[in-house]
Amino acid sequence: MTAARPVQPPKPDAAVLREGLGIVWSGMRQEKRMITIAVIGAALWAAATVATSMAIGYITENIITPAATSGMSPGRRCGASSVCWAPSWWRTP
């Protein structure tokens, strides 16, 4: 049986943070290629998220809102420049 180690008091928050960041930093220095790939992937993900939100904003502003404010009812035929569709249960007779 081994002797129990004495209980150490907890470290202050700044010391824990500093130690943790030191561990992360040493890992980043050892795995430069993987960190580079991860940062590039995160940047591409962020750019795709921004592009998706811009596309949704464009569609909402230029297609959905004008169709809703012009009194267009669901299921009504739209012009060539608009997108108009509705599920069968939403169409008015």
Protein backbone atom coordinates (compact mmCIF):
# COMPACT_ATOMS: atom_id res chain seq x y z
CA MET A 1 0.00 0.00 0.00
CA THR A 2 1.35 3.45 -0.85
CA ALA A 3 1.23 6.47 1.36
CA ALA A 4 -1.42 9.03 0.51
CA ARG A 5 -0.18 12.29 -0.92
CA PRO A 6 -0.93 15.40 1.10
CA VAL A 7 -3.83 17.44 -0.23
CA GLN A 8 -2.64 20.61 -1.92
CA PRO A 9 -4.66 23.80 -1.76
CA PRO A 10 -6.26 24.80 -5.05
CA LYS A 11 -4.30 27.11 -7.31
CA PRO A 12 -5.54 30.64 -7.94
CA ASP A 13 -7.57 31.05 -11.13
CA ALA A 14 -4.83 32.99 -12.94
CA ALA A 15 -2.29 30.24 -12.29
CA VAL A 16 -4.64 27.57 -13.61
CA LEU A 17 -5.34 29.61 -16.72
CA ARG A 18 -1.63 30.29 -17.29
CA GLU A 19 -0.78 26.60 -16.93
CA GLY A 20 -3.57 25.55 -19.28
CA LEU A 21 -2.58 28.09 -21.92
CA GLY A 22 1.03 26.90 -21.64
CA ILE A 23 -0.09 23.34 -22.37
CA VAL A 24 -2.16 24.48 -25.36
CA TRP A 25 0.71 26.63 -26.66
CA SER A 26 3.20 23.75 -26.47
CA GLY A 27 0.74 21.55 -28.36
CA MET A 28 0.35 24.22 -31.02
CA ARG A 29 4.13 24.40 -31.47
CA GLN A 30 4.33 20.62 -31.85
CA GLU A 31 1.40 20.31 -34.29
CA LYS A 32 1.79 23.35 -36.57
CA ARG A 33 0.32 21.62 -39.61
CA MET A 34 -2.82 20.43 -37.82
CA ILE A 35 -3.37 23.85 -36.22
CA THR A 36 -3.03 25.49 -39.64
CA ILE A 37 -5.59 23.10 -41.13
CA ALA A 38 -7.95 23.71 -38.20
CA VAL A 39 -7.70 27.50 -38.50
CA ILE A 40 -8.26 27.40 -42.26
CA GLY A 41 -11.25 25.09 -41.77
CA ALA A 42 -12.73 27.39 -39.14
CA ALA A 43 -12.27 30.41 -41.42
CA LEU A 44 -13.98 28.60 -44.30
CA TRP A 45 -16.83 27.58 -42.00
CA ALA A 46 -17.27 31.20 -40.88
CA ALA A 47 -17.24 32.44 -44.48
CA ALA A 48 -19.85 29.84 -45.47
CA THR A 49 -22.04 30.88 -42.53
CA VAL A 50 -21.84 34.54 -43.54
CA ALA A 51 -22.57 33.68 -47.19
CA THR A 52 -25.58 31.59 -46.20
CA SER A 53 -27.02 34.35 -44.04
CA MET A 54 -26.49 36.87 -46.86
CA ALA A 55 -28.31 34.57 -49.30
CA ILE A 56 -31.23 34.10 -46.89
CA GLY A 57 -31.38 37.87 -46.33
CA TYR A 58 -31.41 38.52 -50.07
CA ILE A 59 -34.18 36.02 -50.69
CA THR A 60 -36.24 37.39 -47.81
CA GLU A 61 -35.78 41.02 -48.84
CA ASN A 62 -36.18 40.65 -52.61
CA ILE A 63 -38.59 37.74 -53.03
CA ILE A 64 -40.59 36.91 -49.90
CA THR A 65 -41.27 40.43 -48.57
CA PRO A 66 -42.41 41.92 -51.92
CA ALA A 67 -44.67 38.92 -52.50
CA ALA A 68 -46.19 39.29 -49.02
CA THR A 69 -46.70 43.06 -49.24
CA SER A 70 -48.24 42.98 -52.72
CA GLY A 71 -51.14 40.88 -51.52
CA MET A 72 -50.06 37.74 -53.32
CA SER A 73 -51.93 34.80 -51.89
CA PRO A 74 -50.29 31.40 -51.35
CA GLY A 75 -50.58 29.12 -54.35
CA ARG A 76 -51.11 31.97 -56.81
CA ARG A 77 -49.02 31.86 -59.96
CA CYS A 78 -46.01 34.14 -59.79
CA GLY A 79 -44.15 36.00 -62.49
CA ALA A 80 -40.95 34.67 -64.01
CA SER A 81 -38.79 36.73 -61.66
CA SER A 82 -40.40 35.44 -58.45
CA VAL A 83 -40.35 32.18 -56.62
CA CYS A 84 -43.82 31.18 -55.54
CA TRP A 85 -44.82 27.87 -54.05
CA ALA A 86 -47.04 26.61 -51.33
CA PRO A 87 -47.89 23.16 -50.00
CA SER A 88 -51.21 21.74 -51.12
CA TRP A 89 -52.84 22.22 -47.69
CA TRP A 90 -52.00 25.94 -47.76
CA ARG A 91 -53.44 26.77 -51.17
CA THR A 92 -56.64 28.74 -51.37
CA PRO A 93 -59.34 27.49 -53.75
